[in-house]
Amino acid sequence: MERKLVPYSVYISKEHHEKLRAAAKDRKAAAIVRDAISMVLDGQDLFNSGYNKGLADAAQVIYDCPEAQMVAVRGKDIGLVLSDKIKSLYVGAKK
């Protein structure tokens, strides 16, 4: 479920830089930039991108849940089974 992240530098306007610095205080800046880039490069509209992000976050929470990893169904832990079911709901290019 984990994906390898690769660092990348980009120049942005001073206005956006200041907004990102403010978001960084809540530890959200990297996620904002990563999500925006993913949305554009995956060719999704704002709604589908947000919907898929919510599904991905929910799938990750279930996948990471230690209790869900303790229960197995047909040899697969329930966290993985439920995570895969949630990911099957993705819309658009992210499938």
Protein backbone atom coordinates (compact mmCIF):
# COMPACT_ATOMS: atom_id res chain seq x y z
CA MET A 1 0.00 0.00 0.00
CA GLU A 2 2.95 2.30 0.54
CA ARG A 3 4.28 4.23 -2.40
CA LYS A 4 7.75 5.65 -2.74
CA LEU A 5 7.86 9.45 -2.85
CA VAL A 6 10.56 11.25 -4.80
CA PRO A 7 11.62 14.84 -3.97
CA TYR A 8 11.07 17.52 -6.62
CA SER A 9 11.70 21.27 -6.52
CA VAL A 10 9.46 23.86 -8.13
CA TYR A 11 9.36 27.65 -8.27
CA ILE A 12 6.11 29.31 -7.20
CA SER A 13 4.89 32.87 -6.77
CA LYS A 14 5.63 34.72 -3.55
CA GLU A 15 1.90 34.81 -2.76
CA HIS A 16 1.58 31.02 -3.04
CA HIS A 17 4.80 30.55 -1.10
CA GLU A 18 3.40 32.56 1.80
CA LYS A 19 0.18 30.53 1.76
CA LEU A 20 2.16 27.29 1.75
CA ARG A 21 4.28 28.50 4.66
CA ALA A 22 1.06 29.18 6.59
CA ALA A 23 -0.22 25.70 5.74
CA ALA A 24 3.12 24.24 6.81
CA LYS A 25 2.43 25.33 10.38
CA ASP A 26 -0.38 22.73 10.37
CA ARG A 27 1.91 20.26 8.54
CA LYS A 28 -0.30 20.33 5.43
CA ALA A 29 1.90 22.06 2.84
CA ALA A 30 3.43 18.95 1.26
CA ALA A 31 0.05 17.23 1.00
CA ILE A 32 -1.48 20.31 -0.66
CA VAL A 33 1.23 20.42 -3.32
CA ARG A 34 1.23 16.63 -3.82
CA ASP A 35 -2.58 16.49 -4.18
CA ALA A 36 -2.68 19.42 -6.61
CA ILE A 37 0.01 17.88 -8.83
CA SER A 38 -1.71 14.50 -8.75
CA MET A 39 -5.05 16.05 -9.70
CA VAL A 40 -3.60 17.83 -12.74
CA LEU A 41 -1.40 14.99 -13.95
CA ASP A 42 -4.10 12.36 -13.46
CA GLY A 43 -6.49 14.50 -15.56
CA GLN A 44 -9.22 14.68 -12.95
CA ASP A 45 -11.70 17.39 -12.14
CA LEU A 46 -11.83 18.87 -8.66
CA PHE A 47 -14.75 16.73 -7.44
CA ASN A 48 -13.36 13.38 -8.64
CA SER A 49 -9.93 14.22 -7.30
CA GLY A 50 -11.33 15.04 -3.86
CA TYR A 51 -13.56 11.99 -3.89
CA ASN A 52 -10.66 9.69 -4.78
CA LYS A 53 -8.44 11.35 -2.17
CA GLY A 54 -11.09 10.67 0.48
CA LEU A 55 -11.34 7.05 -0.63
CA ALA A 56 -7.55 6.68 -0.61
CA ASP A 57 -7.34 8.15 2.90
CA ALA A 58 -10.11 5.85 4.17
CA ALA A 59 -8.48 2.81 2.55
CA GLN A 60 -5.13 3.71 4.14
CA VAL A 61 -6.66 4.09 7.62
CA ILE A 62 -8.27 0.66 7.37
CA TYR A 63 -5.13 -0.92 5.88
CA ASP A 64 -2.98 0.50 8.71
CA CYS A 65 -5.38 -0.52 11.51
CA PRO A 66 -3.58 -3.10 13.70
CA GLU A 67 -6.88 -4.70 14.75
CA ALA A 68 -7.90 -5.16 11.11
CA GLN A 69 -4.58 -6.87 10.45
CA MET A 70 -5.27 -9.41 13.21
CA VAL A 71 -8.38 -10.83 11.53
CA ALA A 72 -8.01 -12.91 8.36
CA VAL A 73 -10.62 -13.97 5.83
CA ARG A 74 -9.60 -16.70 3.38
CA GLY A 75 -5.95 -16.06 4.17
CA LYS A 76 -6.08 -12.27 3.64
CA ASP A 77 -6.19 -9.83 6.51
CA ILE A 78 -9.46 -7.94 6.72
CA GLY A 79 -7.67 -4.59 6.50
CA LEU A 80 -6.36 -5.48 3.04
CA VAL A 81 -9.73 -6.87 1.91
CA LEU A 82 -11.65 -3.77 3.00
CA SER A 83 -8.98 -1.43 1.66
CA ASP A 84 -9.21 -3.07 -1.77
CA LYS A 85 -13.02 -2.81 -1.70
CA ILE A 86 -12.81 0.93 -0.96
CA LYS A 87 -10.23 1.47 -3.72
CA SER A 88 -12.59 -0.24 -6.19
CA LEU A 89 -14.86 2.82 -5.80
CA TYR A 90 -12.30 5.20 -7.40
CA VAL A 91 -13.70 7.20 -10.30
CA GLY A 92 -11.85 8.48 -13.36
CA ALA A 93 -8.18 7.95 -14.15
CA LYS A 94 -6.95 6.77 -10.72
CA LYS A 95 -8.15 3.12 -10.86
